[in-house]
Amino acid sequence: MRHFDLVIIGSGSGNSILDDRFADWNVAIVEKGIGPNDAYGGTCLNVGCIPTKMFVHTADVAGAPEAGAGLGVDLERRGVRWPEIRDRIFGRIDPISDGGRQYRAEGSPNVTLLTGEAAFTDVKQLTVQTADGAETITADRFVVAAGGRPVIPEIPGLDQVEVHTSDTVMRLEELPRRVIIMGTGFIGAEFAHIFSALGVEVTMIGRSGKLLRAEDIDVSARFTEIADRRWDLRLNRKVVSAEKTGDAIRLNLEGLDGADSVEAEKLLVAVGRTPNADLIDAATGGLRLTDAGKIEVDDTQRTSVEGVWALGDISSDHELKHVANHEMRVVQHNLLHPEAPITSDHRFVPHAVFSGPQIASVGLTEQQARQRGVDFVSSTQDYAGIAYGWAMEDTTGFAKLLADPNTGLLLGAHIIGPQAPTLLQPIIQAMHFGLDARSMAHGQYWIHPAMPELLENALLNLPLN
């Protein structure tokens, strides 16, 4: 039985822990692979953030004829060459993944790469099902960064039809004429934008009456209004069964107005994700789990077992790459300096939805502030009310800020519209460094006529005491 100084489970953010400071450590990285090609490098690189945003940018460009029409410019989209789009994107992604695997397998003298599914068989003991057979290993320290996976709901007949998730749908051989998307969260919203912009008829099915329900109530309502004009929304529906019908897939639904059904050539299930703690049998390894099935950690990312840390989607409430990277740096420090541990900072975690339109958010939503009894004031500034908004003829986007009425400290910010994630960054910075709304609005120049004036006006409009 081989013994290591450190075992890292997962090759996403966990892979980044190792730098020159670990050169004299005997390390094993365990990775089973992800996606249809069992790729190395984790969710974000292979089946998540990066390829999806590359598709989103293509979709944004494909939408130019519609945008141009309102500006007096006649453009024509003559076609979409899906194989070229797909192959351009994965022609960049796959070599990075392959290079990362090769580097760890051949270019890191102190690192042993073990490929295969793994599970704890005891405390600090892991069995890996490699191509050469099962191997059990132990270590002084473990870092569990094994991520999560898409949820497939239990629906009669669903196992009899072709089901795609975010892991597989970006590698379709050809674009379908129609696609059904189950789920109204950020994954569904992004893929609905991608496919519809490329000419696919999109039907989206949701159990509630709103899309992106976790967003601020006004953002969710506005996005639902816009989406209803772009896609066939079947909201307040429950999928009761699935079946194959000719070359299509039929989902049978129940809703407030009775039964109906939808058909399409492809089905994307995007109803949520679940942590991989069960796949690695974390409980057998002595790791305490939360009610949500995630590995429980403290603010130093330590688990319930001494010498075992966890990070990323398998343990964090924030399933975001920038959070996993932050937690990775905390774990990295704490591995090297156990006598002086540092803690993760999850106070102001931003996120974005790269759909059409884009959305970005940080801090409290209005409904969260009300539920928690937080005293706040708010202001909203439309894109249509700033000069650059006139240039774009944007009539739907806005920024909404929440602040403490007495201190002026920002409590939340929510933007829906062009370049929302980029516009949000100054607000994130202000919240992290305690810059109040008055100081932020009055204490600096704001370029005119640029989109950040959206934030300037929203800050000035806050009814502070």
Protein backbone atom coordinates (compact mmCIF):
# COMPACT_ATOMS: atom_id res chain seq x y z
CA MET A 1 0.00 0.00 0.00
CA ARG A 2 1.56 3.26 -1.15
CA HIS A 3 1.66 6.16 1.27
CA PHE A 4 1.86 9.84 0.29
CA ASP A 5 2.44 13.15 2.02
CA LEU A 6 -0.62 14.54 0.24
CA VAL A 7 -3.45 13.15 -1.87
CA ILE A 8 -5.61 15.54 -3.91
CA ILE A 9 -8.92 14.17 -5.18
CA GLY A 10 -9.98 16.13 -8.27
CA SER A 11 -8.07 17.98 -10.96
CA GLY A 12 -10.03 21.24 -11.08
CA SER A 13 -9.06 23.91 -8.57
CA GLY A 14 -7.35 21.23 -6.49
CA ASN A 15 -4.82 20.78 -9.28
CA SER A 16 -3.66 24.37 -8.76
CA ILE A 17 -2.55 23.76 -5.17
CA LEU A 18 0.80 22.38 -6.24
CA ASP A 19 3.58 24.88 -6.93
CA ASP A 20 7.33 24.93 -6.33
CA ARG A 21 6.81 25.00 -2.56
CA PHE A 22 5.53 21.40 -2.74
CA ALA A 23 8.51 20.14 -4.76
CA ASP A 24 9.77 17.94 -1.91
CA TRP A 25 6.32 16.52 -1.09
CA ASN A 26 5.29 13.09 -2.33
CA VAL A 27 1.88 13.83 -3.87
CA ALA A 28 -0.84 11.83 -5.60
CA ILE A 29 -3.58 13.39 -7.72
CA VAL A 30 -6.66 11.22 -8.23
CA GLU A 31 -8.97 12.03 -11.16
CA LYS A 32 -11.71 9.95 -12.79
CA GLY A 33 -12.25 12.30 -15.74
CA ILE A 34 -15.25 14.45 -16.67
CA GLY A 35 -17.55 14.73 -19.65
CA PRO A 36 -17.88 12.43 -22.66
CA ASN A 37 -14.11 12.38 -23.21
CA ASP A 38 -13.15 11.82 -19.53
CA ALA A 39 -11.25 15.08 -19.56
CA TYR A 40 -8.67 16.29 -17.04
CA GLY A 41 -9.00 19.67 -15.36
CA GLY A 42 -12.41 19.75 -13.76
CA THR A 43 -15.83 21.19 -14.53
CA CYS A 44 -15.02 24.81 -15.36
CA LEU A 45 -12.41 24.10 -18.01
CA ASN A 46 -14.14 21.21 -19.75
CA VAL A 47 -17.92 21.33 -19.32
CA GLY A 48 -18.64 24.56 -17.46
CA CYS A 49 -17.65 28.20 -17.27
CA ILE A 50 -15.09 28.47 -20.04
CA PRO A 51 -16.61 26.59 -22.99
CA THR A 52 -20.11 27.88 -22.21
CA LYS A 53 -18.93 31.49 -22.31
CA MET A 54 -17.17 30.82 -25.59
CA PHE A 55 -20.50 29.60 -26.97
CA VAL A 56 -22.28 32.59 -25.38
CA HIS A 57 -20.00 35.06 -27.15
CA THR A 58 -20.72 33.32 -30.44
CA ALA A 59 -24.44 33.55 -29.67
CA ASP A 60 -24.09 37.27 -28.90
CA VAL A 61 -22.45 37.82 -32.29
CA ALA A 62 -25.17 35.76 -33.98
CA GLY A 63 -27.74 38.13 -32.47
CA ALA A 64 -26.30 41.15 -34.28
CA PRO A 65 -29.04 41.29 -36.97
CA GLU A 66 -31.76 41.70 -34.36
CA ALA A 67 -29.74 44.32 -32.48
CA GLY A 68 -28.87 46.18 -35.66
CA ALA A 69 -32.47 46.48 -36.81
CA GLY A 70 -33.32 48.89 -34.02
CA LEU A 71 -30.30 51.04 -34.88
CA GLY A 72 -31.09 51.41 -38.55
CA VAL A 73 -28.57 48.82 -39.71
CA ASP A 74 -29.78 45.95 -41.88
CA LEU A 75 -27.77 42.79 -41.26
CA GLU A 76 -28.35 39.23 -42.38
CA ARG A 77 -27.40 35.99 -40.66
CA ARG A 78 -26.90 33.63 -43.58
CA GLY A 79 -26.13 30.55 -41.59
CA VAL A 80 -24.59 28.90 -38.57
CA ARG A 81 -21.72 26.46 -39.04
CA TRP A 82 -22.15 24.48 -35.82
CA PRO A 83 -19.27 22.01 -36.36
CA GLU A 84 -16.88 24.95 -36.85
CA ILE A 85 -18.22 26.70 -33.74
CA ARG A 86 -17.91 23.55 -31.63
CA ASP A 87 -14.51 22.55 -32.97
CA ARG A 88 -13.05 26.04 -32.58
CA ILE A 89 -14.02 26.02 -28.91
CA PHE A 90 -12.92 22.51 -28.03
CA GLY A 91 -9.92 22.84 -30.29
CA ARG A 92 -8.70 25.28 -27.67
CA ILE A 93 -10.08 23.54 -24.56
CA ASP A 94 -9.07 19.94 -25.22
CA PRO A 95 -5.34 20.61 -25.73
CA ILE A 96 -5.24 22.51 -22.44
CA SER A 97 -6.91 19.59 -20.69
CA ASP A 98 -4.64 17.04 -22.36
CA GLY A 99 -1.57 19.16 -21.56
CA GLY A 100 -2.55 19.36 -17.90
CA ARG A 101 -2.92 15.59 -17.70
CA GLN A 102 0.40 15.00 -19.44
CA TYR A 103 2.21 17.49 -17.21
CA ARG A 104 0.99 15.80 -14.04
CA ALA A 105 1.63 12.31 -15.43
CA GLU A 106 5.08 12.96 -16.92
CA GLY A 107 6.36 16.41 -16.02
CA SER A 108 5.97 16.50 -12.24
CA PRO A 109 8.60 14.19 -10.69
CA ASN A 110 7.05 14.30 -7.23
CA VAL A 111 3.47 13.73 -8.43
CA THR A 112 1.76 10.41 -9.13
CA LEU A 113 -1.39 10.68 -11.26
CA LEU A 114 -3.95 7.96 -10.57
CA THR A 115 -6.80 7.83 -13.09
CA GLY A 116 -10.07 6.18 -12.15
CA GLU A 117 -13.04 6.32 -9.82
CA ALA A 118 -12.07 6.51 -6.17
CA ALA A 119 -13.77 6.01 -2.83
CA PHE A 120 -12.73 6.20 0.79
CA THR A 121 -12.43 2.79 2.40
CA ASP A 122 -11.35 4.12 5.79
CA VAL A 123 -10.15 7.34 7.40
CA LYS A 124 -7.35 8.72 5.21
CA GLN A 125 -7.49 5.62 3.03
CA LEU A 126 -8.65 5.69 -0.59
CA THR A 127 -9.16 2.94 -3.16
CA VAL A 128 -8.80 3.93 -6.81
CA GLN A 129 -10.19 1.77 -9.62
CA THR A 130 -7.39 2.25 -12.17
CA ALA A 131 -7.08 0.59 -15.58
CA ASP A 132 -4.53 -1.79 -14.00
CA GLY A 133 -6.86 -2.74 -11.18
CA ALA A 134 -7.79 -1.43 -7.75
CA GLU A 135 -5.11 0.33 -5.74
CA THR A 136 -5.50 1.44 -2.14
CA ILE A 137 -3.45 4.41 -0.97
CA THR A 138 -3.03 6.36 2.26
CA ALA A 139 -1.66 9.80 3.08
CA ASP A 140 -0.86 12.16 5.92
CA ARG A 141 -3.06 14.81 4.33
CA PHE A 142 -5.97 14.78 1.89
CA VAL A 143 -7.58 17.57 -0.10
CA VAL A 144 -11.04 16.66 -1.38
CA ALA A 145 -11.92 18.75 -4.43
CA ALA A 146 -14.03 16.27 -6.37
CA GLY A 147 -16.75 18.71 -7.46
CA GLY A 148 -20.31 17.84 -8.39
CA ARG A 149 -22.43 16.53 -11.24
CA PRO A 150 -25.77 17.26 -12.94
CA VAL A 151 -28.94 15.92 -11.34
CA ILE A 152 -31.15 13.64 -13.45
CA PRO A 153 -34.67 13.59 -11.97
CA GLU A 154 -36.65 10.39 -11.61
CA ILE A 155 -39.35 10.74 -14.25
CA PRO A 156 -41.11 7.76 -15.86
CA GLY A 157 -39.67 7.10 -19.31
CA LEU A 158 -36.75 9.49 -18.97
CA ASP A 159 -34.31 6.59 -18.95
CA GLN A 160 -35.71 5.48 -22.32
CA VAL A 161 -34.87 8.67 -24.23
CA GLU A 162 -31.66 10.49 -25.06
CA VAL A 163 -30.90 12.93 -22.26
CA HIS A 164 -28.23 15.61 -22.42
CA THR A 165 -26.78 17.60 -19.55
CA SER A 166 -24.30 20.45 -19.51
CA ASP A 167 -21.61 17.74 -19.57
CA THR A 168 -22.57 16.57 -23.06
CA VAL A 169 -24.77 19.08 -24.89
CA MET A 170 -21.92 21.28 -26.13
CA ARG A 171 -20.52 18.41 -28.20
CA LEU A 172 -23.65 17.69 -30.28
CA GLU A 173 -22.86 16.45 -33.78
CA GLU A 174 -25.30 18.91 -35.30
CA LEU A 175 -27.77 21.56 -34.20
CA PRO A 176 -31.32 20.28 -33.75
CA ARG A 177 -34.33 22.14 -35.09
CA ARG A 178 -35.86 22.14 -31.62
CA VAL A 179 -34.59 21.67 -28.07
CA ILE A 180 -36.42 21.27 -24.76
CA ILE A 181 -34.68 22.61 -21.66
CA MET A 182 -35.86 21.31 -18.30
CA GLY A 183 -34.90 23.86 -15.65
CA THR A 184 -35.07 27.61 -15.28
CA GLY A 185 -31.81 28.30 -13.45
CA PHE A 186 -28.60 29.80 -14.77
CA ILE A 187 -27.52 26.73 -16.77
CA GLY A 188 -30.85 26.53 -18.55
CA ALA A 189 -30.91 30.28 -19.16
CA GLU A 190 -27.43 30.31 -20.69
CA PHE A 191 -28.07 27.37 -23.01
CA ALA A 192 -31.47 28.76 -24.03
CA HIS A 193 -29.68 31.93 -25.15
CA ILE A 194 -26.99 29.96 -26.99
CA PHE A 195 -29.33 27.69 -28.90
CA SER A 196 -32.00 30.28 -29.72
CA ALA A 197 -29.41 32.77 -31.00
CA LEU A 198 -28.10 30.04 -33.31
CA GLY A 199 -31.57 29.44 -34.74
CA VAL A 200 -32.89 26.57 -32.61
CA GLU A 201 -36.49 26.66 -31.37
CA VAL A 202 -36.28 26.56 -27.56
CA THR A 203 -38.93 25.37 -25.14
CA MET A 204 -38.14 25.86 -21.45
CA ILE A 205 -40.01 24.00 -18.73
CA GLY A 206 -40.13 25.17 -15.11
CA ARG A 207 -42.03 24.16 -11.99
CA SER A 208 -42.47 27.76 -10.82
CA GLY A 209 -43.78 30.88 -12.50
CA LYS A 210 -40.43 32.70 -12.80
CA LEU A 211 -37.00 32.11 -14.29
CA LEU A 212 -33.86 32.60 -12.21
CA ARG A 213 -35.83 32.68 -8.95
CA ALA A 214 -32.67 33.01 -6.84
CA GLU A 215 -31.99 36.45 -8.33
CA ASP A 216 -33.41 39.67 -6.94
CA ILE A 217 -37.18 39.70 -7.37
CA ASP A 218 -37.11 42.57 -9.88
CA VAL A 219 -34.31 41.00 -11.93
CA SER A 220 -36.09 37.64 -12.05
CA ALA A 221 -39.34 39.29 -13.13
CA ARG A 222 -37.67 41.33 -15.87
CA PHE A 223 -35.68 38.36 -17.18
CA THR A 224 -38.85 36.24 -17.30
CA GLU A 225 -40.60 38.95 -19.32
CA ILE A 226 -37.76 39.12 -21.83
CA ALA A 227 -37.41 35.33 -22.05
CA ASP A 228 -41.12 34.95 -22.75
CA ARG A 229 -40.61 36.94 -25.95
CA ARG A 230 -37.66 34.79 -27.06
CA TRP A 231 -38.56 31.26 -26.02
CA ASP A 232 -41.60 29.05 -25.54
CA LEU A 233 -41.94 29.12 -21.76
CA ARG A 234 -43.95 26.37 -20.08
CA LEU A 235 -43.95 27.57 -16.47
CA ASN A 236 -45.84 26.21 -13.47
CA ARG A 237 -45.48 22.79 -15.10
CA LYS A 238 -44.50 19.35 -13.82
CA VAL A 239 -43.01 16.77 -16.17
CA VAL A 240 -44.94 13.56 -15.55
CA SER A 241 -43.42 11.30 -18.22
CA ALA A 242 -41.10 11.12 -21.21
CA GLU A 243 -41.36 9.06 -24.37
CA LYS A 244 -39.81 8.60 -27.78
CA THR A 245 -41.96 9.58 -30.73
CA GLY A 246 -40.41 9.07 -34.15
CA ASP A 247 -37.26 11.17 -34.32
CA ALA A 248 -38.36 13.37 -31.41
CA ILE A 249 -38.70 13.26 -27.64
CA ARG A 250 -42.06 14.06 -26.05
CA LEU A 251 -42.45 15.29 -22.50
CA ASN A 252 -45.92 15.07 -21.00
CA LEU A 253 -46.71 17.89 -18.59
CA GLU A 254 -49.22 18.83 -15.94
CA GLY A 255 -49.92 22.46 -15.12
CA LEU A 256 -52.41 24.89 -13.69
CA ASP A 257 -54.48 24.66 -16.87
CA GLY A 258 -54.34 20.90 -17.18
CA ALA A 259 -52.21 18.52 -19.22
CA ASP A 260 -50.13 19.33 -22.28
CA SER A 261 -46.99 18.10 -24.00
CA VAL A 262 -43.90 19.34 -25.84
CA GLU A 263 -41.70 17.70 -28.45
CA ALA A 264 -38.17 18.30 -29.70
CA GLU A 265 -35.24 16.50 -31.25
CA LYS A 266 -32.99 17.12 -28.23
CA LEU A 267 -33.58 17.32 -24.47
CA LEU A 268 -31.31 19.19 -22.06
CA VAL A 269 -31.87 18.50 -18.36
CA ALA A 270 -30.64 21.41 -16.24
CA VAL A 271 -32.54 21.07 -12.97
CA GLY A 272 -29.55 21.39 -10.64
CA ARG A 273 -26.30 19.80 -9.51
CA THR A 274 -25.36 17.52 -6.64
CA PRO A 275 -22.01 17.17 -4.82
CA ASN A 276 -19.87 14.09 -5.48
CA ALA A 277 -19.43 13.29 -1.78
CA ASP A 278 -21.49 10.13 -2.24
CA LEU A 279 -19.41 8.89 -5.18
CA ILE A 280 -16.20 9.07 -3.14
CA ASP A 281 -17.95 7.62 -0.07
CA ALA A 282 -16.89 10.57 2.08
CA ALA A 283 -18.80 9.24 5.09
CA THR A 284 -16.69 6.07 5.15
CA GLY A 285 -13.67 8.35 5.26
CA GLY A 286 -15.06 9.83 8.48
CA LEU A 287 -16.07 13.10 6.83
CA ARG A 288 -19.15 14.75 8.28
CA LEU A 289 -21.74 15.84 5.71
CA THR A 290 -24.26 18.67 5.68
CA ASP A 291 -27.99 18.15 5.14
CA ALA A 292 -27.37 19.04 1.47
CA GLY A 293 -24.90 16.18 1.13
CA LYS A 294 -21.82 18.40 0.99
CA ILE A 295 -18.66 17.80 3.01
CA GLU A 296 -18.78 19.98 6.11
CA VAL A 297 -15.83 22.36 6.52
CA ASP A 298 -14.86 25.16 8.88
CA ASP A 299 -13.64 28.58 7.76
CA THR A 300 -10.12 27.20 7.20
CA GLN A 301 -11.61 24.56 4.85
CA ARG A 302 -10.81 21.78 7.35
CA THR A 303 -13.19 18.85 7.52
CA SER A 304 -14.19 16.81 10.56
CA VAL A 305 -11.05 14.66 10.09
CA GLU A 306 -7.70 16.08 11.15
CA GLY A 307 -5.45 16.56 8.13
CA VAL A 308 -8.28 16.52 5.58
CA TRP A 309 -9.46 19.65 3.77
CA ALA A 310 -12.21 20.15 1.20
CA LEU A 311 -12.90 22.91 -1.30
CA GLY A 312 -15.11 23.84 -4.22
CA ASP A 313 -18.49 22.44 -5.22
CA ILE A 314 -18.20 19.35 -3.01
CA SER A 315 -18.20 21.47 0.15
CA SER A 316 -19.06 25.08 -0.67
CA ASP A 317 -22.47 26.74 -0.68
CA HIS A 318 -21.19 28.79 -3.62
CA GLU A 319 -20.73 26.56 -6.67
CA LEU A 320 -18.55 29.04 -8.52
CA LYS A 321 -15.05 28.71 -9.96
CA HIS A 322 -13.83 31.97 -8.42
CA VAL A 323 -14.92 30.69 -5.01
CA ALA A 324 -13.20 27.34 -5.54
CA ASN A 325 -10.01 29.17 -6.54
CA HIS A 326 -10.21 31.35 -3.42
CA GLU A 327 -10.71 28.30 -1.21
CA MET A 328 -7.83 26.58 -3.00
CA ARG A 329 -5.47 29.40 -2.02
CA VAL A 330 -6.65 29.12 1.59
CA VAL A 331 -6.04 25.36 1.62
CA GLN A 332 -2.67 25.83 -0.08
CA HIS A 333 -1.54 28.23 2.63
CA ASN A 334 -2.86 26.04 5.42
CA LEU A 335 -1.09 22.98 4.08
CA LEU A 336 2.20 24.87 4.04
CA HIS A 337 1.65 26.83 7.28
CA PRO A 338 -0.48 24.71 9.63
CA GLU A 339 0.80 26.76 12.57
CA ALA A 340 -0.73 29.95 11.14
CA PRO A 341 -3.93 29.06 9.27
CA ILE A 342 -5.95 31.61 7.30
CA THR A 343 -9.69 31.60 6.67
CA SER A 344 -11.91 31.86 3.62
CA ASP A 345 -13.86 35.08 3.06
CA HIS A 346 -17.34 34.43 1.72
CA ARG A 347 -18.91 37.73 2.73
CA PHE A 348 -19.37 39.23 -0.73
CA VAL A 349 -19.52 36.45 -3.32
CA PRO A 350 -20.59 37.69 -6.76
CA HIS A 351 -22.04 35.65 -9.57
CA ALA A 352 -23.15 36.20 -13.14
CA VAL A 353 -25.54 34.66 -15.64
CA PHE A 354 -24.32 34.94 -19.22
CA SER A 355 -27.65 34.78 -20.99
CA GLY A 356 -29.48 37.33 -23.09
CA PRO A 357 -29.49 39.74 -21.33
CA GLN A 358 -26.58 39.25 -18.94
CA ILE A 359 -27.10 39.36 -15.18
CA ALA A 360 -24.67 39.98 -12.33
CA SER A 361 -25.28 40.10 -8.59
CA VAL A 362 -23.51 40.45 -5.25
CA GLY A 363 -24.82 40.67 -1.71
CA LEU A 364 -28.39 40.65 -0.48
CA THR A 365 -31.42 40.55 -2.74
CA GLU A 366 -34.44 42.61 -1.72
CA GLN A 367 -36.33 39.50 -0.64
CA GLN A 368 -33.39 38.30 1.48
CA ALA A 369 -33.11 41.70 3.15
CA ARG A 370 -36.80 41.67 4.01
CA GLN A 371 -36.73 38.07 5.25
CA ARG A 372 -33.77 38.83 7.53
CA GLY A 373 -35.23 42.08 8.83
CA VAL A 374 -32.34 44.14 7.49
CA ASP A 375 -32.91 47.89 7.37
CA PHE A 376 -32.21 49.07 3.82
CA VAL A 377 -32.96 51.61 1.13
CA SER A 378 -32.77 50.93 -2.59
CA SER A 379 -32.50 52.68 -5.92
CA THR A 380 -32.86 51.60 -9.52
CA GLN A 381 -31.25 53.14 -12.59
CA ASP A 382 -32.32 52.12 -16.09
CA TYR A 383 -29.84 51.80 -18.93
CA ALA A 384 -32.36 53.88 -20.87
CA GLY A 385 -31.61 56.77 -18.51
CA ILE A 386 -27.89 57.12 -19.34
CA ALA A 387 -26.28 58.37 -22.52
CA TYR A 388 -24.66 55.09 -23.50
CA GLY A 389 -27.99 53.37 -22.96
CA TRP A 390 -29.42 55.75 -25.56
CA ALA A 391 -26.66 54.70 -27.93
CA MET A 392 -27.59 51.04 -27.49
CA GLU A 393 -31.35 51.70 -27.48
CA ASP A 394 -31.58 49.49 -24.41
CA THR A 395 -35.07 49.61 -22.94
CA THR A 396 -35.03 46.68 -20.52
CA GLY A 397 -31.79 46.78 -18.50
CA PHE A 398 -31.28 48.32 -15.07
CA ALA A 399 -29.06 48.37 -12.00
CA LYS A 400 -30.52 48.04 -8.52
CA LEU A 401 -28.60 48.87 -5.36
CA LEU A 402 -29.41 48.17 -1.70
CA ALA A 403 -27.66 50.11 1.06
CA ASP A 404 -27.74 50.74 4.79
CA PRO A 405 -29.68 54.03 5.14
CA ASN A 406 -27.47 55.29 7.97
CA THR A 407 -23.93 54.27 7.00
CA GLY A 408 -24.39 54.21 3.25
CA LEU A 409 -22.58 50.87 3.05
CA LEU A 410 -23.75 48.80 0.12
CA LEU A 411 -25.68 45.64 1.00
CA GLY A 412 -26.39 44.30 -2.47
CA ALA A 413 -26.19 45.10 -6.16
CA HIS A 414 -28.06 43.53 -9.06
CA ILE A 415 -27.63 44.37 -12.74
CA ILE A 416 -29.48 43.06 -15.77
CA GLY A 417 -28.29 44.28 -19.15
CA PRO A 418 -25.25 44.58 -21.41
CA GLN A 419 -21.88 43.83 -19.77
CA ALA A 420 -23.51 43.36 -16.36
CA PRO A 421 -20.64 41.23 -14.94
CA THR A 422 -18.06 43.84 -15.91
CA LEU A 423 -20.13 46.69 -14.52
CA LEU A 424 -20.60 44.91 -11.20
CA GLN A 425 -16.89 44.68 -10.34
CA PRO A 426 -16.51 48.21 -8.83
CA ILE A 427 -19.43 47.44 -6.50
CA ILE A 428 -17.76 44.22 -5.35
CA GLN A 429 -14.62 46.19 -4.63
CA ALA A 430 -16.55 48.85 -2.68
CA MET A 431 -18.27 46.22 -0.54
CA HIS A 432 -15.03 44.39 0.23
CA PHE A 433 -13.16 47.52 1.25
CA GLY A 434 -15.98 49.28 3.08
CA LEU A 435 -16.46 52.18 0.67
CA ASP A 436 -19.82 53.84 1.31
CA ALA A 437 -22.18 54.91 -1.46
CA ARG A 438 -21.67 58.67 -1.00
CA SER A 439 -17.90 58.40 -1.13
CA MET A 440 -18.03 56.11 -4.13
CA ALA A 441 -20.37 58.42 -6.05
CA HIS A 442 -18.72 61.73 -5.23
CA GLY A 443 -15.09 60.81 -4.60
CA GLN A 444 -14.00 59.92 -8.12
CA TYR A 445 -14.45 60.78 -11.78
CA TRP A 446 -16.93 58.73 -13.81
CA ILE A 447 -16.13 58.60 -17.53
CA HIS A 448 -18.81 60.25 -19.66
CA PRO A 449 -20.63 58.94 -21.58
CA ALA A 450 -19.73 55.41 -20.50
CA MET A 451 -21.80 52.58 -19.07
CA PRO A 452 -20.44 52.94 -15.49
CA GLU A 453 -22.65 56.05 -15.25
CA LEU A 454 -25.36 53.47 -14.64
CA LEU A 455 -23.76 52.82 -11.25
CA GLU A 456 -22.99 56.49 -10.58
CA ASN A 457 -26.65 57.45 -10.99
CA ALA A 458 -27.85 54.50 -8.95
CA LEU A 459 -25.51 55.50 -6.13
CA LEU A 460 -26.63 59.14 -6.28
CA ASN A 461 -30.28 58.07 -6.22
CA LEU A 462 -30.02 56.12 -2.94
CA PRO A 463 -32.25 57.88 -0.36
CA LEU A 464 -29.68 57.81 2.46
CA ASN A 465 -30.26 59.52 5.80
